[in-house]
Amino acid sequence: MAYEILVGLNVTDDVQYQEYRRAMTPILESYGANFGYDFKIAEVLISQTDEPINRVFTIRFPNEEKKDRFFSDPAYTEVKSEYFQRAVESTNIIASYEI
């Protein structure tokens, strides 16, 4: 089994967001995780939030425990602080599930 999350973002700075992805991907991969799908969205027809969404992607982890360890890893939180917070206005976890 694996653990996957489906995420919706409102990215406001594509350059900073790409820097975030570049910097965090090796950390993500060190946990045996990867991006499954990644979409730039032009129009949202139905949403459960009032926040805009223009990016949707999945991240797959070997298990939920590795997901939790990744998101609390000091190296990851440093990258997030440096790039993500300036590039993304809002984050929505649309779903999380075992596959």
PDB file of N, CA and C in Angstrom:
ATOM      1  N   MET A   1       0.825  -1.193   0.000  1.00  0.00           N
ATOM      2  CA  MET A   1       0.000   0.000   0.000  1.00  0.00           C
ATOM      3  C   MET A   1       0.864   1.248   0.000  1.00  0.00           C
ATOM      4  N   ALA A   2       0.325   2.306  -0.540  1.00  0.00           N
ATOM      5  CA  ALA A   2       0.963   3.627  -0.541  1.00  0.00           C
ATOM      6  C   ALA A   2      -0.060   4.629  -0.022  1.00  0.00           C
ATOM      7  N   TYR A   3       0.411   5.813   0.267  1.00  0.00           N
ATOM      8  CA  TYR A   3      -0.450   6.876   0.780  1.00  0.00           C
ATOM      9  C   TYR A   3      -0.310   8.067  -0.151  1.00  0.00           C
ATOM     10  N   GLU A   4      -1.426   8.603  -0.608  1.00  0.00           N
ATOM     11  CA  GLU A   4      -1.402   9.692  -1.581  1.00  0.00           C
ATOM     12  C   GLU A   4      -2.262  10.850  -1.101  1.00  0.00           C
ATOM     13  N   ILE A   5      -1.820  12.068  -1.428  1.00  0.00           N
ATOM     14  CA  ILE A   5      -2.642  13.243  -1.152  1.00  0.00           C
ATOM     15  C   ILE A   5      -2.882  13.990  -2.461  1.00  0.00           C
ATOM     16  N   LEU A   6      -4.086  14.525  -2.578  1.00  0.00           N
ATOM     17  CA  LEU A   6      -4.501  15.336  -3.715  1.00  0.00           C
ATOM     18  C   LEU A   6      -4.586  16.765  -3.215  1.00  0.00           C
ATOM     19  N   VAL A   7      -3.804  17.646  -3.827  1.00  0.00           N
ATOM     20  CA  VAL A   7      -3.629  19.008  -3.327  1.00  0.00           C
ATOM     21  C   VAL A   7      -4.064  20.015  -4.382  1.00  0.00           C
ATOM     22  N   GLY A   8      -4.746  21.067  -3.935  1.00  0.00           N
ATOM     23  CA  GLY A   8      -5.076  22.202  -4.784  1.00  0.00           C
ATOM     24  C   GLY A   8      -4.425  23.453  -4.227  1.00  0.00           C
ATOM     25  N   LEU A   9      -3.743  24.204  -5.067  1.00  0.00           N
ATOM     26  CA  LEU A   9      -3.063  25.430  -4.649  1.00  0.00           C
ATOM     27  C   LEU A   9      -3.552  26.614  -5.455  1.00  0.00           C
ATOM     28  N   ASN A  10      -3.330  27.788  -4.899  1.00  0.00           N
ATOM     29  CA  ASN A  10      -3.416  29.017  -5.678  1.00  0.00           C
ATOM     30  C   ASN A  10      -2.003  29.584  -5.728  1.00  0.00           C
ATOM     31  N   VAL A  11      -1.302  29.283  -6.822  1.00  0.00           N
ATOM     32  CA  VAL A  11       0.071  29.744  -7.013  1.00  0.00           C
ATOM     33  C   VAL A  11       0.019  31.161  -7.576  1.00  0.00           C
ATOM     34  N   THR A  12       0.686  32.084  -6.901  1.00  0.00           N
ATOM     35  CA  THR A  12       0.685  33.480  -7.331  1.00  0.00           C
ATOM     36  C   THR A  12       2.018  33.916  -7.923  1.00  0.00           C
ATOM     37  N   ASP A  13       3.065  33.095  -7.769  1.00  0.00           N
ATOM     38  CA  ASP A  13       4.384  33.401  -8.324  1.00  0.00           C
ATOM     39  C   ASP A  13       4.984  32.113  -8.868  1.00  0.00           C
ATOM     40  N   ASP A  14       4.841  31.905 -10.173  1.00  0.00           N
ATOM     41  CA  ASP A  14       5.303  30.662 -10.798  1.00  0.00           C
ATOM     42  C   ASP A  14       6.812  30.467 -10.670  1.00  0.00           C
ATOM     43  N   VAL A  15       7.584  31.527 -10.767  1.00  0.00           N
ATOM     44  CA  VAL A  15       9.048  31.409 -10.683  1.00  0.00           C
ATOM     45  C   VAL A  15       9.453  30.933  -9.287  1.00  0.00           C
ATOM     46  N   GLN A  16       8.915  31.566  -8.251  1.00  0.00           N
ATOM     47  CA  GLN A  16       9.216  31.141  -6.882  1.00  0.00           C
ATOM     48  C   GLN A  16       8.723  29.721  -6.628  1.00  0.00           C
ATOM     49  N   TYR A  17       7.558  29.383  -7.181  1.00  0.00           N
ATOM     50  CA  TYR A  17       7.027  28.041  -6.979  1.00  0.00           C
ATOM     51  C   TYR A  17       7.922  27.000  -7.631  1.00  0.00           C
ATOM     52  N   GLN A  18       8.451  27.286  -8.808  1.00  0.00           N
ATOM     53  CA  GLN A  18       9.379  26.355  -9.458  1.00  0.00           C
ATOM     54  C   GLN A  18      10.662  26.216  -8.647  1.00  0.00           C
ATOM     55  N   GLU A  19      11.123  27.280  -8.033  1.00  0.00           N
ATOM     56  CA  GLU A  19      12.297  27.208  -7.156  1.00  0.00           C
ATOM     57  C   GLU A  19      11.990  26.327  -5.941  1.00  0.00           C
ATOM     58  N   TYR A  20      10.808  26.467  -5.404  1.00  0.00           N
ATOM     59  CA  TYR A  20      10.371  25.612  -4.294  1.00  0.00           C
ATOM     60  C   TYR A  20      10.402  24.143  -4.718  1.00  0.00           C
ATOM     61  N   ARG A  21       9.808  23.834  -5.859  1.00  0.00           N
ATOM     62  CA  ARG A  21       9.776  22.450  -6.341  1.00  0.00           C
ATOM     63  C   ARG A  21      11.192  21.919  -6.561  1.00  0.00           C
ATOM     64  N   ARG A  22      12.047  22.738  -7.152  1.00  0.00           N
ATOM     65  CA  ARG A  22      13.429  22.328  -7.413  1.00  0.00           C
ATOM     66  C   ARG A  22      14.138  21.997  -6.103  1.00  0.00           C
ATOM     67  N   ALA A  23      13.938  22.821  -5.093  1.00  0.00           N
ATOM     68  CA  ALA A  23      14.639  22.651  -3.823  1.00  0.00           C
ATOM     69  C   ALA A  23      14.050  21.520  -2.972  1.00  0.00           C
ATOM     70  N   MET A  24      12.742  21.291  -3.060  1.00  0.00           N
ATOM     71  CA  MET A  24      12.131  20.288  -2.183  1.00  0.00           C
ATOM     72  C   MET A  24      12.104  18.889  -2.764  1.00  0.00           C
ATOM     73  N   THR A  25      12.217  18.757  -4.071  1.00  0.00           N
ATOM     74  CA  THR A  25      12.098  17.438  -4.697  1.00  0.00           C
ATOM     75  C   THR A  25      13.137  16.434  -4.201  1.00  0.00           C
ATOM     76  N   PRO A  26      14.419  16.796  -4.061  1.00  0.00           N
ATOM     77  CA  PRO A  26      15.366  15.802  -3.518  1.00  0.00           C
ATOM     78  C   PRO A  26      15.008  15.350  -2.097  1.00  0.00           C
ATOM     79  N   ILE A  27      14.471  16.252  -1.302  1.00  0.00           N
ATOM     80  CA  ILE A  27      14.050  15.889   0.061  1.00  0.00           C
ATOM     81  C   ILE A  27      12.867  14.925  -0.025  1.00  0.00           C
ATOM     82  N   LEU A  28      11.904  15.253  -0.869  1.00  0.00           N
ATOM     83  CA  LEU A  28      10.737  14.395  -1.087  1.00  0.00           C
ATOM     84  C   LEU A  28      11.174  12.993  -1.517  1.00  0.00           C
ATOM     85  N   GLU A  29      12.068  12.931  -2.485  1.00  0.00           N
ATOM     86  CA  GLU A  29      12.526  11.640  -3.006  1.00  0.00           C
ATOM     87  C   GLU A  29      13.284  10.837  -1.957  1.00  0.00           C
ATOM     88  N   SER A  30      13.942  11.515  -1.009  1.00  0.00           N
ATOM     89  CA  SER A  30      14.663  10.796   0.048  1.00  0.00           C
ATOM     90  C   SER A  30      13.700  10.032   0.965  1.00  0.00           C
ATOM     91  N   TYR A  31      12.415  10.370   0.934  1.00  0.00           N
ATOM     92  CA  TYR A  31      11.393   9.658   1.689  1.00  0.00           C
ATOM     93  C   TYR A  31      10.685   8.608   0.831  1.00  0.00           C
ATOM     94  N   GLY A  32      11.206   8.376  -0.364  1.00  0.00           N
ATOM     95  CA  GLY A  32      10.592   7.407  -1.263  1.00  0.00           C
ATOM     96  C   GLY A  32       9.316   7.906  -1.891  1.00  0.00           C
ATOM     97  N   ALA A  33       9.130   9.215  -1.934  1.00  0.00           N
ATOM     98  CA  ALA A  33       7.894   9.824  -2.435  1.00  0.00           C
ATOM     99  C   ALA A  33       8.127  10.494  -3.787  1.00  0.00           C
ATOM    100  N   ASN A  34       7.035  10.760  -4.487  1.00  0.00           N
ATOM    101  CA  ASN A  34       7.126  11.441  -5.774  1.00  0.00           C
ATOM    102  C   ASN A  34       5.784  12.079  -6.140  1.00  0.00           C
ATOM    103  N   PHE A  35       5.838  12.963  -7.122  1.00  0.00           N
ATOM    104  CA  PHE A  35       4.625  13.555  -7.675  1.00  0.00           C
ATOM    105  C   PHE A  35       4.056  12.568  -8.685  1.00  0.00           C
ATOM    106  N   GLY A  36       2.749  12.356  -8.611  1.00  0.00           N
ATOM    107  CA  GLY A  36       2.092  11.460  -9.556  1.00  0.00           C
ATOM    108  C   GLY A  36       1.526  12.215 -10.741  1.00  0.00           C
ATOM    109  N   TYR A  37       0.683  13.188 -10.454  1.00  0.00           N
ATOM    110  CA  TYR A  37       0.068  14.047 -11.465  1.00  0.00           C
ATOM    111  C   TYR A  37       0.309  15.489 -11.069  1.00  0.00           C
ATOM    112  N   ASP A  38       0.318  16.369 -12.050  1.00  0.00           N
ATOM    113  CA  ASP A  38       0.520  17.800 -11.783  1.00  0.00           C
ATOM    114  C   ASP A  38      -0.155  18.574 -12.905  1.00  0.00           C
ATOM    115  N   PHE A  39      -1.131  19.412 -12.538  1.00  0.00           N
ATOM    116  CA  PHE A  39      -1.904  20.153 -13.533  1.00  0.00           C
ATOM    117  C   PHE A  39      -1.934  21.641 -13.200  1.00  0.00           C
ATOM    118  N   LYS A  40      -1.825  22.477 -14.228  1.00  0.00           N
ATOM    119  CA  LYS A  40      -2.161  23.890 -14.102  1.00  0.00           C
ATOM    120  C   LYS A  40      -3.610  24.007 -14.559  1.00  0.00           C
ATOM    121  N   ILE A  41      -4.435  24.647 -13.740  1.00  0.00           N
ATOM    122  CA  ILE A  41      -5.877  24.690 -13.964  1.00  0.00           C
ATOM    123  C   ILE A  41      -6.286  26.089 -14.430  1.00  0.00           C
ATOM    124  N   ALA A  42      -7.024  26.151 -15.519  1.00  0.00           N
ATOM    125  CA  ALA A  42      -7.479  27.439 -16.038  1.00  0.00           C
ATOM    126  C   ALA A  42      -8.843  27.830 -15.475  1.00  0.00           C
ATOM    127  N   GLU A  43      -9.677  26.844 -15.192  1.00  0.00           N
ATOM    128  CA  GLU A  43     -11.027  27.141 -14.727  1.00  0.00           C
ATOM    129  C   GLU A  43     -11.483  26.056 -13.758  1.00  0.00           C
ATOM    130  N   VAL A  44     -12.030  26.461 -12.630  1.00  0.00           N
ATOM    131  CA  VAL A  44     -12.598  25.540 -11.645  1.00  0.00           C
ATOM    132  C   VAL A  44     -14.114  25.668 -11.732  1.00  0.00           C
ATOM    133  N   LEU A  45     -14.793  24.577 -12.024  1.00  0.00           N
ATOM    134  CA  LEU A  45     -16.241  24.618 -12.199  1.00  0.00           C
ATOM    135  C   LEU A  45     -17.001  24.405 -10.891  1.00  0.00           C
ATOM    136  N   ILE A  46     -16.493  23.520 -10.035  1.00  0.00           N
ATOM    137  CA  ILE A  46     -17.103  23.247  -8.735  1.00  0.00           C
ATOM    138  C   ILE A  46     -15.983  23.155  -7.718  1.00  0.00           C
ATOM    139  N   SER A  47     -16.180  23.780  -6.562  1.00  0.00           N
ATOM    140  CA  SER A  47     -15.157  23.739  -5.521  1.00  0.00           C
ATOM    141  C   SER A  47     -15.816  23.719  -4.153  1.00  0.00           C
ATOM    142  N   GLN A  48     -15.147  23.128  -3.196  1.00  0.00           N
ATOM    143  CA  GLN A  48     -15.620  23.089  -1.825  1.00  0.00           C
ATOM    144  C   GLN A  48     -15.037  24.227  -0.990  1.00  0.00           C
ATOM    145  N   THR A  49     -14.305  25.138  -1.634  1.00  0.00           N
ATOM    146  CA  THR A  49     -13.684  26.261  -0.937  1.00  0.00           C
ATOM    147  C   THR A  49     -13.908  27.548  -1.718  1.00  0.00           C
ATOM    148  N   ASP A  50     -13.858  28.658  -1.033  1.00  0.00           N
ATOM    149  CA  ASP A  50     -13.961  29.951  -1.704  1.00  0.00           C
ATOM    150  C   ASP A  50     -12.620  30.408  -2.268  1.00  0.00           C
ATOM    151  N   GLU A  51     -11.528  29.761  -1.838  1.00  0.00           N
ATOM    152  CA  GLU A  51     -10.195  30.147  -2.300  1.00  0.00           C
ATOM    153  C   GLU A  51      -9.987  29.666  -3.740  1.00  0.00           C
ATOM    154  N   PRO A  52      -9.370  30.486  -4.572  1.00  0.00           N
ATOM    155  CA  PRO A  52      -9.115  30.052  -5.946  1.00  0.00           C
ATOM    156  C   PRO A  52      -8.089  28.923  -5.985  1.00  0.00           C
ATOM    157  N   ILE A  53      -8.184  28.083  -6.999  1.00  0.00           N
ATOM    158  CA  ILE A  53      -7.242  26.989  -7.228  1.00  0.00           C
ATOM    159  C   ILE A  53      -6.786  27.067  -8.676  1.00  0.00           C
ATOM    160  N   ASN A  54      -5.461  27.088  -8.875  1.00  0.00           N
ATOM    161  CA  ASN A  54      -4.933  27.096 -10.235  1.00  0.00           C
ATOM    162  C   ASN A  54      -3.872  26.020 -10.471  1.00  0.00           C
ATOM    163  N   ARG A  55      -3.653  25.186  -9.451  1.00  0.00           N
ATOM    164  CA  ARG A  55      -2.685  24.083  -9.570  1.00  0.00           C
ATOM    165  C   ARG A  55      -3.218  22.910  -8.763  1.00  0.00           C
ATOM    166  N   VAL A  56      -3.241  21.726  -9.367  1.00  0.00           N
ATOM    167  CA  VAL A  56      -3.697  20.508  -8.705  1.00  0.00           C
ATOM    168  C   VAL A  56      -2.667  19.419  -8.967  1.00  0.00           C
ATOM    169  N   PHE A  57      -2.307  18.679  -7.909  1.00  0.00           N
ATOM    170  CA  PHE A  57      -1.328  17.610  -8.077  1.00  0.00           C
ATOM    171  C   PHE A  57      -1.519  16.542  -7.011  1.00  0.00           C
ATOM    172  N   THR A  58      -0.889  15.400  -7.251  1.00  0.00           N
ATOM    173  CA  THR A  58      -0.856  14.332  -6.259  1.00  0.00           C
ATOM    174  C   THR A  58       0.591  14.121  -5.825  1.00  0.00           C
ATOM    175  N   ILE A  59       0.741  13.745  -4.555  1.00  0.00           N
ATOM    176  CA  ILE A  59       2.040  13.306  -4.036  1.00  0.00           C
ATOM    177  C   ILE A  59       1.817  11.930  -3.423  1.00  0.00           C
ATOM    178  N   ARG A  60       2.647  10.973  -3.833  1.00  0.00           N
ATOM    179  CA  ARG A  60       2.534   9.601  -3.340  1.00  0.00           C
ATOM    180  C   ARG A  60       3.710   9.277  -2.429  1.00  0.00           C
ATOM    181  N   PHE A  61       3.378   8.779  -1.239  1.00  0.00           N
ATOM    182  CA  PHE A  61       4.365   8.367  -0.236  1.00  0.00           C
ATOM    183  C   PHE A  61       4.259   6.862  -0.025  1.00  0.00           C
ATOM    184  N   PRO A  62       5.319   6.222   0.440  1.00  0.00           N
ATOM    185  CA  PRO A  62       5.233   4.787   0.739  1.00  0.00           C
ATOM    186  C   PRO A  62       4.181   4.479   1.814  1.00  0.00           C
ATOM    187  N   ASN A  63       3.987   5.407   2.754  1.00  0.00           N
ATOM    188  CA  ASN A  63       2.988   5.223   3.812  1.00  0.00           C
ATOM    189  C   ASN A  63       2.718   6.578   4.478  1.00  0.00           C
ATOM    190  N   GLU A  64       1.712   6.624   5.320  1.00  0.00           N
ATOM    191  CA  GLU A  64       1.327   7.886   5.963  1.00  0.00           C
ATOM    192  C   GLU A  64       2.403   8.388   6.920  1.00  0.00           C
ATOM    193  N   GLU A  65       3.096   7.478   7.577  1.00  0.00           N
ATOM    194  CA  GLU A  65       4.149   7.872   8.512  1.00  0.00           C
ATOM    195  C   GLU A  65       5.273   8.621   7.790  1.00  0.00           C
ATOM    196  N   LYS A  66       5.643   8.160   6.586  1.00  0.00           N
ATOM    197  CA  LYS A  66       6.686   8.870   5.823  1.00  0.00           C
ATOM    198  C   LYS A  66       6.184  10.236   5.367  1.00  0.00           C
ATOM    199  N   LYS A  67       4.907  10.344   5.055  1.00  0.00           N
ATOM    200  CA  LYS A  67       4.337  11.648   4.711  1.00  0.00           C
ATOM    201  C   LYS A  67       4.484  12.610   5.883  1.00  0.00           C
ATOM    202  N   ASP A  68       4.123  12.154   7.070  1.00  0.00           N
ATOM    203  CA  ASP A  68       4.217  12.998   8.262  1.00  0.00           C
ATOM    204  C   ASP A  68       5.662  13.397   8.546  1.00  0.00           C
ATOM    205  N   ARG A  69       6.580  12.454   8.398  1.00  0.00           N
ATOM    206  CA  ARG A  69       7.997  12.756   8.636  1.00  0.00           C
ATOM    207  C   ARG A  69       8.530  13.755   7.610  1.00  0.00           C
ATOM    208  N   PHE A  70       8.131  13.608   6.349  1.00  0.00           N
ATOM    209  CA  PHE A  70       8.575  14.550   5.312  1.00  0.00           C
ATOM    210  C   PHE A  70       8.133  15.969   5.643  1.00  0.00           C
ATOM    211  N   PHE A  71       6.839  16.160   5.936  1.00  0.00           N
ATOM    212  CA  PHE A  71       6.327  17.507   6.152  1.00  0.00           C
ATOM    213  C   PHE A  71       6.853  18.152   7.435  1.00  0.00           C
ATOM    214  N   SER A  72       7.405  17.363   8.345  1.00  0.00           N
ATOM    215  CA  SER A  72       7.999  17.943   9.553  1.00  0.00           C
ATOM    216  C   SER A  72       9.529  17.965   9.501  1.00  0.00           C
ATOM    217  N   ASP A  73      10.108  17.493   8.418  1.00  0.00           N
ATOM    218  CA  ASP A  73      11.567  17.483   8.263  1.00  0.00           C
ATOM    219  C   ASP A  73      12.088  18.919   8.264  1.00  0.00           C
ATOM    220  N   PRO A  74      13.085  19.245   9.097  1.00  0.00           N
ATOM    221  CA  PRO A  74      13.614  20.611   9.149  1.00  0.00           C
ATOM    222  C   PRO A  74      14.140  21.119   7.805  1.00  0.00           C
ATOM    223  N   ALA A  75      14.727  20.228   7.002  1.00  0.00           N
ATOM    224  CA  ALA A  75      15.207  20.658   5.682  1.00  0.00           C
ATOM    225  C   ALA A  75      14.032  21.079   4.800  1.00  0.00           C
ATOM    226  N   TYR A  76      12.924  20.313   4.856  1.00  0.00           N
ATOM    227  CA  TYR A  76      11.746  20.676   4.081  1.00  0.00           C
ATOM    228  C   TYR A  76      11.117  21.973   4.589  1.00  0.00           C
ATOM    229  N   THR A  77      10.959  22.110   5.903  1.00  0.00           N
ATOM    230  CA  THR A  77      10.311  23.314   6.434  1.00  0.00           C
ATOM    231  C   THR A  77      11.131  24.566   6.121  1.00  0.00           C
ATOM    232  N   GLU A  78      12.438  24.423   6.020  1.00  0.00           N
ATOM    233  CA  GLU A  78      13.274  25.564   5.628  1.00  0.00           C
ATOM    234  C   GLU A  78      13.018  25.962   4.179  1.00  0.00           C
ATOM    235  N   VAL A  79      12.955  24.970   3.292  1.00  0.00           N
ATOM    236  CA  VAL A  79      12.650  25.244   1.874  1.00  0.00           C
ATOM    237  C   VAL A  79      11.257  25.851   1.752  1.00  0.00           C
ATOM    238  N   LYS A  80      10.307  25.307   2.474  1.00  0.00           N
ATOM    239  CA  LYS A  80       8.941  25.832   2.426  1.00  0.00           C
ATOM    240  C   LYS A  80       8.903  27.293   2.865  1.00  0.00           C
ATOM    241  N   SER A  81       9.609  27.588   3.937  1.00  0.00           N
ATOM    242  CA  SER A  81       9.649  28.958   4.442  1.00  0.00           C
ATOM    243  C   SER A  81      10.295  29.917   3.442  1.00  0.00           C
ATOM    244  N   GLU A  82      11.333  29.444   2.770  1.00  0.00           N
ATOM    245  CA  GLU A  82      12.065  30.312   1.850  1.00  0.00           C
ATOM    246  C   GLU A  82      11.319  30.586   0.547  1.00  0.00           C
ATOM    247  N   TYR A  83      10.644  29.570  -0.010  1.00  0.00           N
ATOM    248  CA  TYR A  83      10.040  29.708  -1.340  1.00  0.00           C
ATOM    249  C   TYR A  83       8.518  29.633  -1.353  1.00  0.00           C
ATOM    250  N   PHE A  84       7.967  28.608  -0.706  1.00  0.00           N
ATOM    251  CA  PHE A  84       6.548  28.297  -0.834  1.00  0.00           C
ATOM    252  C   PHE A  84       5.667  29.433  -0.338  1.00  0.00           C
ATOM    253  N   GLN A  85       5.986  29.973   0.820  1.00  0.00           N
ATOM    254  CA  GLN A  85       5.116  30.980   1.422  1.00  0.00           C
ATOM    255  C   GLN A  85       5.024  32.260   0.599  1.00  0.00           C
ATOM    256  N   ARG A  86       6.045  32.542  -0.213  1.00  0.00           N
ATOM    257  CA  ARG A  86       5.992  33.718  -1.097  1.00  0.00           C
ATOM    258  C   ARG A  86       5.329  33.410  -2.431  1.00  0.00           C
ATOM    259  N   ALA A  87       5.201  32.138  -2.754  1.00  0.00           N
ATOM    260  CA  ALA A  87       4.706  31.747  -4.068  1.00  0.00           C
ATOM    261  C   ALA A  87       3.256  31.283  -4.074  1.00  0.00           C
ATOM    262  N   VAL A  88       2.738  30.894  -2.916  1.00  0.00           N
ATOM    263  CA  VAL A  88       1.416  30.269  -2.855  1.00  0.00           C
ATOM    264  C   VAL A  88       0.528  31.035  -1.887  1.00  0.00           C
ATOM    265  N   GLU A  89      -0.630  31.442  -2.384  1.00  0.00           N
ATOM    266  CA  GLU A  89      -1.579  32.191  -1.566  1.00  0.00           C
ATOM    267  C   GLU A  89      -2.436  31.286  -0.689  1.00  0.00           C
ATOM    268  N   SER A  90      -2.818  30.096  -1.209  1.00  0.00           N
ATOM    269  CA  SER A  90      -3.653  29.191  -0.424  1.00  0.00           C
ATOM    270  C   SER A  90      -3.395  27.750  -0.825  1.00  0.00           C
ATOM    271  N   THR A  91      -3.627  26.867   0.145  1.00  0.00           N
ATOM    272  CA  THR A  91      -3.444  25.421  -0.044  1.00  0.00           C
ATOM    273  C   THR A  91      -4.707  24.710   0.416  1.00  0.00           C
ATOM    274  N   ASN A  92      -5.151  23.755  -0.380  1.00  0.00           N
ATOM    275  CA  ASN A  92      -6.309  22.937  -0.030  1.00  0.00           C
ATOM    276  C   ASN A  92      -5.955  21.468  -0.222  1.00  0.00           C
ATOM    277  N   ILE A  93      -6.042  20.702   0.860  1.00  0.00           N
ATOM    278  CA  ILE A  93      -5.899  19.255   0.736  1.00  0.00           C
ATOM    279  C   ILE A  93      -7.276  18.741   0.320  1.00  0.00           C
ATOM    280  N   ILE A  94      -7.379  18.366  -0.930  1.00  0.00           N
ATOM    281  CA  ILE A  94      -8.659  17.930  -1.471  1.00  0.00           C
ATOM    282  C   ILE A  94      -9.005  16.537  -0.963  1.00  0.00           C
ATOM    283  N   ALA A  95      -8.003  15.662  -0.895  1.00  0.00           N
ATOM    284  CA  ALA A  95      -8.231  14.296  -0.415  1.00  0.00           C
ATOM    285  C   ALA A  95      -6.907  13.663  -0.020  1.00  0.00           C
ATOM    286  N   SER A  96      -6.992  12.683   0.852  1.00  0.00           N
ATOM    287  CA  SER A  96      -5.838  11.836   1.167  1.00  0.00           C
ATOM    288  C   SER A  96      -6.377  10.420   1.325  1.00  0.00           C
ATOM    289  N   TYR A  97      -5.596   9.451   0.845  1.00  0.00           N
ATOM    290  CA  TYR A  97      -6.119   8.093   0.789  1.00  0.00           C
ATOM    291  C   TYR A  97      -4.992   7.093   0.623  1.00  0.00           C
ATOM    292  N   GLU A  98      -5.272   5.846   1.008  1.00  0.00           N
ATOM    293  CA  GLU A  98      -4.353   4.748   0.772  1.00  0.00           C
ATOM    294  C   GLU A  98      -4.666   4.142  -0.587  1.00  0.00           C
ATOM    295  N   ILE A  99      -3.614   3.780  -1.297  1.00  0.00           N
ATOM    296  CA  ILE A  99      -3.806   3.149  -2.604  1.00  0.00           C
ATOM    297  C   ILE A  99      -3.048   1.843  -2.672  1.00  0.00           C
TER     298      ILE A  99
END
